[in-house]
Amino acid sequence: MELALLLAGEASVCGEIPVGAVVAKDGAVIGKGRNRNRELNDPTMHAEIIAIREAASFMQNERLTNCVLYVTKEPCAMCAGAIVHSRIVRVVIGAEDIKYGACGSVFDVCGSARMNHVPEIGFGMLREKSSSMLREFFQGKRALKKEG
């Protein structure tokens, strides 16, 4: 999760919402990503999607069985769908997303028994660091908006 937080910090410096994600297998990092959707003008370039793509490329398989995803903010519905389809076994989340979270906070894409795969979900690893990074980013955006 520390690496995911570093990636989230990189995203913030680039003007992106500070989210970082890491995919690990047997304790080794096989995929990592940070939000890049604004930078690349691509709404699918969320940290989780980038990390999952990199991990799938490393594994030479679209199935990431026995892999764990560490992410600083609760995944949205798009990312939660990718988590289910890739068969990630566990998702470790820093901060809940009370507006768009799809791992139990608003929606429950990852926890739906109707899906063909239900990953284990854990909230709260380095929650305060993840939450404060998000809070500071949006406070800065609001302050700039007031000035302009």
N, C-alpha and C. Protein backbone atom coordinates (compact mmCIF):
# COMPACT_ATOMS: atom_id res chain seq x y z
N MET A 1 0.83 -1.20 0.00
CA MET A 1 0.00 0.00 0.00
C MET A 1 0.87 1.26 0.00
N GLU A 2 2.05 1.15 0.57
CA GLU A 2 2.96 2.32 0.55
C GLU A 2 3.31 2.71 -0.89
N LEU A 3 3.56 1.72 -1.75
CA LEU A 3 3.84 2.01 -3.16
C LEU A 3 2.63 2.63 -3.83
N ALA A 4 1.44 2.14 -3.52
CA ALA A 4 0.21 2.71 -4.08
C ALA A 4 0.07 4.17 -3.66
N LEU A 5 0.42 4.49 -2.44
CA LEU A 5 0.37 5.87 -1.97
C LEU A 5 1.39 6.75 -2.70
N LEU A 6 2.57 6.22 -2.96
CA LEU A 6 3.56 6.98 -3.74
C LEU A 6 3.03 7.27 -5.14
N LEU A 7 2.39 6.28 -5.75
CA LEU A 7 1.81 6.47 -7.08
C LEU A 7 0.67 7.49 -7.04
N ALA A 8 -0.12 7.46 -5.97
CA ALA A 8 -1.20 8.44 -5.81
C ALA A 8 -0.62 9.85 -5.71
N GLY A 9 0.50 9.98 -5.00
CA GLY A 9 1.17 11.28 -4.91
C GLY A 9 1.65 11.77 -6.26
N GLU A 10 2.17 10.86 -7.10
CA GLU A 10 2.58 11.22 -8.46
C GLU A 10 1.38 11.72 -9.26
N ALA A 11 0.25 11.03 -9.10
CA ALA A 11 -0.97 11.44 -9.81
C ALA A 11 -1.36 12.85 -9.41
N SER A 12 -1.32 13.13 -8.13
CA SER A 12 -1.71 14.45 -7.62
C SER A 12 -0.83 15.54 -8.20
N VAL A 13 0.48 15.30 -8.25
CA VAL A 13 1.43 16.28 -8.80
C VAL A 13 1.09 16.58 -10.26
N CYS A 14 0.55 15.58 -10.97
CA CYS A 14 0.19 15.75 -12.38
C CYS A 14 -1.23 16.29 -12.56
N GLY A 15 -1.89 16.67 -11.47
CA GLY A 15 -3.24 17.22 -11.56
C GLY A 15 -4.34 16.18 -11.63
N GLU A 16 -3.99 14.93 -11.41
CA GLU A 16 -4.96 13.84 -11.42
C GLU A 16 -5.48 13.60 -10.00
N ILE A 17 -6.67 13.05 -9.89
CA ILE A 17 -7.17 12.64 -8.58
C ILE A 17 -6.17 11.62 -8.03
N PRO A 18 -5.69 11.82 -6.80
CA PRO A 18 -4.61 10.99 -6.27
C PRO A 18 -5.04 9.57 -5.89
N VAL A 19 -4.98 8.69 -6.88
CA VAL A 19 -5.27 7.28 -6.66
C VAL A 19 -4.11 6.49 -7.24
N GLY A 20 -3.62 5.53 -6.45
CA GLY A 20 -2.58 4.63 -6.90
C GLY A 20 -3.01 3.20 -6.64
N ALA A 21 -2.52 2.29 -7.48
CA ALA A 21 -2.89 0.87 -7.36
C ALA A 21 -1.70 -0.01 -7.67
N VAL A 22 -1.62 -1.14 -6.98
CA VAL A 22 -0.55 -2.11 -7.17
C VAL A 22 -1.17 -3.50 -7.17
N VAL A 23 -0.76 -4.34 -8.12
CA VAL A 23 -1.15 -5.75 -8.14
C VAL A 23 0.07 -6.55 -7.73
N ALA A 24 -0.13 -7.45 -6.76
CA ALA A 24 0.96 -8.29 -6.27
C ALA A 24 0.57 -9.76 -6.37
N LYS A 25 1.57 -10.58 -6.65
CA LYS A 25 1.40 -12.04 -6.67
C LYS A 25 2.55 -12.63 -5.87
N ASP A 26 2.21 -13.41 -4.88
CA ASP A 26 3.22 -14.03 -4.01
C ASP A 26 4.18 -12.98 -3.44
N GLY A 27 3.64 -11.80 -3.11
CA GLY A 27 4.42 -10.74 -2.50
C GLY A 27 5.22 -9.88 -3.46
N ALA A 28 5.23 -10.20 -4.74
CA ALA A 28 5.99 -9.43 -5.73
C ALA A 28 5.04 -8.54 -6.52
N VAL A 29 5.46 -7.30 -6.77
CA VAL A 29 4.66 -6.36 -7.58
C VAL A 29 4.75 -6.78 -9.04
N ILE A 30 3.58 -7.01 -9.65
CA ILE A 30 3.54 -7.38 -11.07
C ILE A 30 2.78 -6.36 -11.92
N GLY A 31 2.18 -5.38 -11.26
CA GLY A 31 1.47 -4.33 -11.97
C GLY A 31 1.29 -3.13 -11.07
N LYS A 32 1.39 -1.95 -11.64
CA LYS A 32 1.17 -0.73 -10.84
C LYS A 32 0.60 0.34 -11.75
N GLY A 33 -0.12 1.26 -11.14
CA GLY A 33 -0.70 2.34 -11.91
C GLY A 33 -1.11 3.50 -11.03
N ARG A 34 -1.29 4.63 -11.69
CA ARG A 34 -1.82 5.83 -11.04
C ARG A 34 -2.83 6.42 -12.00
N ASN A 35 -3.73 7.21 -11.47
CA ASN A 35 -4.71 7.84 -12.35
C ASN A 35 -4.01 8.64 -13.43
N ARG A 36 -4.48 8.47 -14.68
CA ARG A 36 -3.92 9.19 -15.82
C ARG A 36 -5.01 9.61 -16.80
N ASN A 37 -6.27 9.54 -16.38
CA ASN A 37 -7.36 9.80 -17.31
C ASN A 37 -7.38 11.23 -17.85
N ARG A 38 -7.04 12.20 -17.04
CA ARG A 38 -7.00 13.59 -17.53
C ARG A 38 -5.80 13.81 -18.43
N GLU A 39 -4.67 13.28 -18.02
CA GLU A 39 -3.43 13.41 -18.79
C GLU A 39 -3.56 12.81 -20.19
N LEU A 40 -4.23 11.66 -20.28
CA LEU A 40 -4.35 10.94 -21.55
C LEU A 40 -5.69 11.16 -22.25
N ASN A 41 -6.56 12.00 -21.66
CA ASN A 41 -7.90 12.23 -22.21
C ASN A 41 -8.62 10.91 -22.47
N ASP A 42 -8.56 10.03 -21.48
CA ASP A 42 -9.14 8.70 -21.60
C ASP A 42 -9.81 8.33 -20.28
N PRO A 43 -11.13 8.26 -20.26
CA PRO A 43 -11.84 7.99 -19.01
C PRO A 43 -11.57 6.61 -18.41
N THR A 44 -10.94 5.71 -19.16
CA THR A 44 -10.65 4.38 -18.62
C THR A 44 -9.29 4.29 -17.95
N MET A 45 -8.52 5.33 -17.96
CA MET A 45 -7.16 5.26 -17.42
C MET A 45 -7.10 5.52 -15.91
N HIS A 46 -7.91 4.75 -15.19
CA HIS A 46 -7.87 4.77 -13.73
C HIS A 46 -6.69 3.92 -13.27
N ALA A 47 -6.20 4.20 -12.08
CA ALA A 47 -5.04 3.50 -11.52
C ALA A 47 -5.23 1.98 -11.54
N GLU A 48 -6.42 1.53 -11.15
CA GLU A 48 -6.68 0.08 -11.08
C GLU A 48 -6.60 -0.57 -12.46
N ILE A 49 -7.18 0.07 -13.45
CA ILE A 49 -7.17 -0.48 -14.82
C ILE A 49 -5.74 -0.58 -15.33
N ILE A 50 -4.95 0.46 -15.11
CA ILE A 50 -3.56 0.45 -15.56
C ILE A 50 -2.79 -0.66 -14.87
N ALA A 51 -2.97 -0.80 -13.56
CA ALA A 51 -2.26 -1.84 -12.80
C ALA A 51 -2.70 -3.24 -13.25
N ILE A 52 -3.99 -3.42 -13.49
CA ILE A 52 -4.50 -4.71 -13.94
C ILE A 52 -3.95 -5.04 -15.33
N ARG A 53 -3.95 -4.07 -16.23
CA ARG A 53 -3.40 -4.30 -17.57
C ARG A 53 -1.93 -4.70 -17.51
N GLU A 54 -1.15 -3.99 -16.69
CA GLU A 54 0.27 -4.30 -16.57
C GLU A 54 0.48 -5.71 -15.99
N ALA A 55 -0.32 -6.05 -14.98
CA ALA A 55 -0.21 -7.38 -14.37
C ALA A 55 -0.60 -8.48 -15.35
N ALA A 56 -1.65 -8.27 -16.12
CA ALA A 56 -2.08 -9.26 -17.11
C ALA A 56 -1.01 -9.45 -18.18
N SER A 57 -0.38 -8.36 -18.57
CA SER A 57 0.70 -8.45 -19.54
C SER A 57 1.87 -9.25 -18.96
N PHE A 58 2.21 -8.98 -17.70
CA PHE A 58 3.28 -9.71 -17.03
C PHE A 58 2.96 -11.20 -16.95
N MET A 59 1.71 -11.51 -16.60
CA MET A 59 1.28 -12.91 -16.42
C MET A 59 1.02 -13.60 -17.76
N GLN A 60 0.89 -12.80 -18.84
CA GLN A 60 0.51 -13.35 -20.14
C GLN A 60 -0.81 -14.11 -20.03
N ASN A 61 -1.73 -13.50 -19.26
CA ASN A 61 -3.02 -14.13 -19.01
C ASN A 61 -3.99 -13.05 -18.53
N GLU A 62 -5.22 -13.10 -19.00
CA GLU A 62 -6.21 -12.14 -18.52
C GLU A 62 -6.72 -12.47 -17.13
N ARG A 63 -6.43 -13.66 -16.65
CA ARG A 63 -6.83 -14.09 -15.31
C ARG A 63 -5.70 -13.84 -14.33
N LEU A 64 -5.98 -13.05 -13.32
CA LEU A 64 -4.99 -12.73 -12.30
C LEU A 64 -5.29 -13.50 -11.01
N THR A 65 -5.47 -14.79 -11.15
CA THR A 65 -5.77 -15.64 -10.00
C THR A 65 -4.62 -15.59 -9.00
N ASN A 66 -4.99 -15.64 -7.74
CA ASN A 66 -4.03 -15.57 -6.63
C ASN A 66 -3.28 -14.24 -6.56
N CYS A 67 -3.83 -13.21 -7.16
CA CYS A 67 -3.24 -11.87 -7.08
C CYS A 67 -4.05 -10.99 -6.14
N VAL A 68 -3.37 -10.02 -5.56
CA VAL A 68 -3.99 -9.06 -4.64
C VAL A 68 -3.82 -7.67 -5.23
N LEU A 69 -4.89 -6.88 -5.19
CA LEU A 69 -4.85 -5.49 -5.62
C LEU A 69 -4.86 -4.60 -4.40
N TYR A 70 -3.89 -3.71 -4.30
CA TYR A 70 -3.84 -2.69 -3.25
C TYR A 70 -4.17 -1.37 -3.93
N VAL A 71 -5.15 -0.66 -3.40
CA VAL A 71 -5.58 0.59 -4.02
C VAL A 71 -5.92 1.61 -2.95
N THR A 72 -5.55 2.86 -3.18
CA THR A 72 -5.69 3.89 -2.16
C THR A 72 -7.13 4.36 -1.96
N LYS A 73 -7.96 4.22 -3.00
CA LYS A 73 -9.37 4.64 -2.89
C LYS A 73 -10.25 3.54 -3.46
N GLU A 74 -11.39 3.36 -2.86
CA GLU A 74 -12.34 2.33 -3.30
C GLU A 74 -12.62 2.43 -4.79
N PRO A 75 -12.50 1.33 -5.51
CA PRO A 75 -12.73 1.33 -6.95
C PRO A 75 -14.16 1.71 -7.34
N CYS A 76 -14.28 2.35 -8.51
CA CYS A 76 -15.58 2.69 -9.10
C CYS A 76 -16.16 1.43 -9.76
N ALA A 77 -17.33 1.56 -10.33
CA ALA A 77 -17.99 0.41 -10.97
C ALA A 77 -17.18 -0.14 -12.13
N MET A 78 -16.57 0.72 -12.94
CA MET A 78 -15.76 0.25 -14.06
C MET A 78 -14.60 -0.60 -13.55
N CYS A 79 -13.89 -0.08 -12.57
CA CYS A 79 -12.72 -0.79 -12.04
C CYS A 79 -13.13 -2.05 -11.28
N ALA A 80 -14.24 -1.97 -10.56
CA ALA A 80 -14.73 -3.16 -9.86
C ALA A 80 -15.08 -4.27 -10.85
N GLY A 81 -15.66 -3.91 -11.98
CA GLY A 81 -15.95 -4.89 -13.02
C GLY A 81 -14.68 -5.54 -13.54
N ALA A 82 -13.63 -4.75 -13.74
CA ALA A 82 -12.34 -5.29 -14.21
C ALA A 82 -11.74 -6.21 -13.15
N ILE A 83 -11.91 -5.88 -11.89
CA ILE A 83 -11.41 -6.72 -10.80
C ILE A 83 -12.10 -8.08 -10.84
N VAL A 84 -13.41 -8.07 -10.99
CA VAL A 84 -14.17 -9.33 -11.06
C VAL A 84 -13.74 -10.14 -12.27
N HIS A 85 -13.69 -9.51 -13.43
CA HIS A 85 -13.35 -10.22 -14.66
C HIS A 85 -11.93 -10.77 -14.65
N SER A 86 -11.02 -10.09 -13.97
CA SER A 86 -9.63 -10.56 -13.93
C SER A 86 -9.41 -11.63 -12.86
N ARG A 87 -10.41 -11.85 -12.02
CA ARG A 87 -10.36 -12.88 -10.98
C ARG A 87 -9.34 -12.58 -9.87
N ILE A 88 -9.10 -11.29 -9.62
CA ILE A 88 -8.25 -10.92 -8.49
C ILE A 88 -8.88 -11.49 -7.23
N VAL A 89 -8.07 -12.12 -6.40
CA VAL A 89 -8.59 -12.84 -5.24
C VAL A 89 -8.93 -11.92 -4.07
N ARG A 90 -8.18 -10.82 -3.93
CA ARG A 90 -8.38 -9.95 -2.78
C ARG A 90 -8.11 -8.51 -3.18
N VAL A 91 -8.90 -7.59 -2.65
CA VAL A 91 -8.72 -6.16 -2.88
C VAL A 91 -8.55 -5.49 -1.52
N VAL A 92 -7.43 -4.80 -1.36
CA VAL A 92 -7.13 -4.09 -0.12
C VAL A 92 -7.25 -2.60 -0.43
N ILE A 93 -8.17 -1.94 0.27
CA ILE A 93 -8.54 -0.55 -0.05
C ILE A 93 -8.17 0.37 1.11
N GLY A 94 -7.57 1.50 0.77
CA GLY A 94 -7.25 2.49 1.79
C GLY A 94 -8.49 3.22 2.26
N ALA A 95 -9.08 4.03 1.39
CA ALA A 95 -10.21 4.89 1.77
C ALA A 95 -11.48 4.51 1.02
N GLU A 96 -12.59 4.60 1.71
CA GLU A 96 -13.89 4.40 1.08
C GLU A 96 -14.20 5.57 0.16
N ASP A 97 -15.02 5.31 -0.84
CA ASP A 97 -15.51 6.36 -1.74
C ASP A 97 -17.02 6.42 -1.58
N ILE A 98 -17.49 7.42 -0.82
CA ILE A 98 -18.91 7.49 -0.48
C ILE A 98 -19.79 8.02 -1.62
N LYS A 99 -19.17 8.39 -2.75
CA LYS A 99 -19.95 8.84 -3.90
C LYS A 99 -20.01 7.82 -5.02
N TYR A 100 -18.89 7.13 -5.27
CA TYR A 100 -18.81 6.24 -6.42
C TYR A 100 -18.31 4.83 -6.09
N GLY A 101 -18.02 4.54 -4.85
CA GLY A 101 -17.43 3.26 -4.47
C GLY A 101 -18.28 2.07 -4.86
N ALA A 102 -17.64 1.08 -5.49
CA ALA A 102 -18.38 -0.10 -5.98
C ALA A 102 -17.90 -1.40 -5.33
N CYS A 103 -17.31 -1.26 -4.14
CA CYS A 103 -16.90 -2.44 -3.38
C CYS A 103 -17.62 -2.49 -2.04
N GLY A 104 -18.81 -1.90 -2.01
CA GLY A 104 -19.63 -1.97 -0.81
C GLY A 104 -20.12 -0.65 -0.28
N SER A 105 -19.45 0.46 -0.57
CA SER A 105 -19.88 1.75 0.00
C SER A 105 -21.14 2.30 -0.65
N VAL A 106 -21.20 2.30 -1.98
CA VAL A 106 -22.37 2.78 -2.70
C VAL A 106 -22.98 1.63 -3.50
N PHE A 107 -22.14 0.98 -4.26
CA PHE A 107 -22.53 -0.20 -5.05
C PHE A 107 -21.74 -1.39 -4.53
N ASP A 108 -22.15 -2.58 -4.91
CA ASP A 108 -21.43 -3.76 -4.46
C ASP A 108 -21.13 -4.70 -5.62
N VAL A 109 -20.46 -4.17 -6.63
CA VAL A 109 -20.10 -4.95 -7.81
C VAL A 109 -19.20 -6.12 -7.40
N CYS A 110 -18.20 -5.84 -6.58
CA CYS A 110 -17.26 -6.90 -6.19
C CYS A 110 -17.87 -7.91 -5.22
N GLY A 111 -18.92 -7.56 -4.54
CA GLY A 111 -19.49 -8.46 -3.55
C GLY A 111 -20.76 -9.15 -3.98
N SER A 112 -21.17 -8.95 -5.22
CA SER A 112 -22.43 -9.51 -5.67
C SER A 112 -22.32 -11.01 -5.92
N ALA A 113 -23.16 -11.77 -5.28
CA ALA A 113 -23.18 -13.22 -5.48
C ALA A 113 -23.65 -13.58 -6.89
N ARG A 114 -24.23 -12.62 -7.61
CA ARG A 114 -24.66 -12.87 -8.99
C ARG A 114 -23.50 -12.91 -9.97
N MET A 115 -22.35 -12.39 -9.55
CA MET A 115 -21.17 -12.39 -10.41
C MET A 115 -20.51 -13.77 -10.35
N ASN A 116 -19.71 -14.05 -11.37
CA ASN A 116 -19.04 -15.35 -11.42
C ASN A 116 -17.80 -15.42 -10.54
N HIS A 117 -17.41 -14.30 -9.95
CA HIS A 117 -16.25 -14.26 -9.05
C HIS A 117 -16.50 -13.19 -8.00
N VAL A 118 -16.22 -13.49 -6.76
CA VAL A 118 -16.39 -12.53 -5.67
C VAL A 118 -15.07 -12.44 -4.91
N PRO A 119 -14.31 -11.36 -5.14
CA PRO A 119 -13.04 -11.21 -4.42
C PRO A 119 -13.27 -10.83 -2.96
N GLU A 120 -12.32 -11.16 -2.13
CA GLU A 120 -12.32 -10.73 -0.74
C GLU A 120 -12.00 -9.24 -0.73
N ILE A 121 -12.72 -8.47 0.09
CA ILE A 121 -12.52 -7.02 0.16
C ILE A 121 -12.10 -6.65 1.58
N GLY A 122 -11.06 -5.83 1.67
CA GLY A 122 -10.62 -5.32 2.97
C GLY A 122 -10.43 -3.82 2.91
N PHE A 123 -11.06 -3.12 3.82
CA PHE A 123 -10.96 -1.66 3.89
C PHE A 123 -10.04 -1.24 5.03
N GLY A 124 -9.40 -0.10 4.86
CA GLY A 124 -8.76 0.57 5.98
C GLY A 124 -7.25 0.51 6.07
N MET A 125 -6.56 -0.16 5.14
CA MET A 125 -5.10 -0.17 5.22
C MET A 125 -4.58 1.23 4.86
N LEU A 126 -3.90 1.85 5.79
CA LEU A 126 -3.39 3.22 5.63
C LEU A 126 -4.52 4.18 5.23
N ARG A 127 -5.67 3.98 5.85
CA ARG A 127 -6.87 4.79 5.55
C ARG A 127 -6.60 6.27 5.72
N GLU A 128 -5.99 6.67 6.83
CA GLU A 128 -5.82 8.10 7.09
C GLU A 128 -4.91 8.75 6.06
N LYS A 129 -3.83 8.09 5.67
CA LYS A 129 -2.94 8.65 4.64
C LYS A 129 -3.68 8.77 3.31
N SER A 130 -4.43 7.74 2.95
CA SER A 130 -5.18 7.76 1.69
C SER A 130 -6.24 8.85 1.72
N SER A 131 -6.99 8.92 2.81
CA SER A 131 -8.06 9.91 2.94
C SER A 131 -7.52 11.33 2.95
N SER A 132 -6.45 11.55 3.68
CA SER A 132 -5.92 12.92 3.78
C SER A 132 -5.37 13.39 2.43
N MET A 133 -4.77 12.49 1.66
CA MET A 133 -4.27 12.87 0.34
C MET A 133 -5.42 13.30 -0.56
N LEU A 134 -6.51 12.56 -0.52
CA LEU A 134 -7.69 12.91 -1.32
C LEU A 134 -8.30 14.22 -0.84
N ARG A 135 -8.43 14.35 0.47
CA ARG A 135 -9.04 15.55 1.05
C ARG A 135 -8.22 16.79 0.67
N GLU A 136 -6.90 16.72 0.81
CA GLU A 136 -6.04 17.87 0.49
C GLU A 136 -6.10 18.22 -1.00
N PHE A 137 -6.17 17.21 -1.84
CA PHE A 137 -6.26 17.44 -3.28
C PHE A 137 -7.52 18.24 -3.61
N PHE A 138 -8.66 17.79 -3.09
CA PHE A 138 -9.93 18.46 -3.41
C PHE A 138 -10.05 19.81 -2.73
N GLN A 139 -9.47 19.97 -1.54
CA GLN A 139 -9.46 21.29 -0.90
C GLN A 139 -8.66 22.27 -1.76
N GLY A 140 -7.54 21.81 -2.30
CA GLY A 140 -6.74 22.66 -3.19
C GLY A 140 -7.49 23.04 -4.44
N LYS A 141 -8.22 22.10 -5.03
CA LYS A 141 -9.02 22.39 -6.23
C LYS A 141 -10.11 23.42 -5.92
N ARG A 142 -10.77 23.26 -4.76
CA ARG A 142 -11.83 24.21 -4.39
C ARG A 142 -11.26 25.60 -4.13
N ALA A 143 -10.08 25.67 -3.53
CA ALA A 143 -9.44 26.96 -3.26
C ALA A 143 -9.08 27.67 -4.56
N LEU A 144 -8.58 26.91 -5.54
CA LEU A 144 -8.27 27.51 -6.84
C LEU A 144 -9.52 28.01 -7.55
N LYS A 145 -10.59 27.27 -7.38
CA LYS A 145 -11.85 27.67 -8.02
C LYS A 145 -12.37 28.97 -7.45
N LYS A 146 -12.22 29.14 -6.11
CA LYS A 146 -12.66 30.39 -5.47
C LYS A 146 -11.84 31.58 -5.92
N GLU A 147 -10.54 31.36 -6.13
CA GLU A 147 -9.65 32.44 -6.55
C GLU A 147 -9.93 32.88 -7.99
N GLY A 148 -10.32 31.92 -8.82
CA GLY A 148 -10.49 32.21 -10.26
C GLY A 148 -11.85 32.56 -10.57
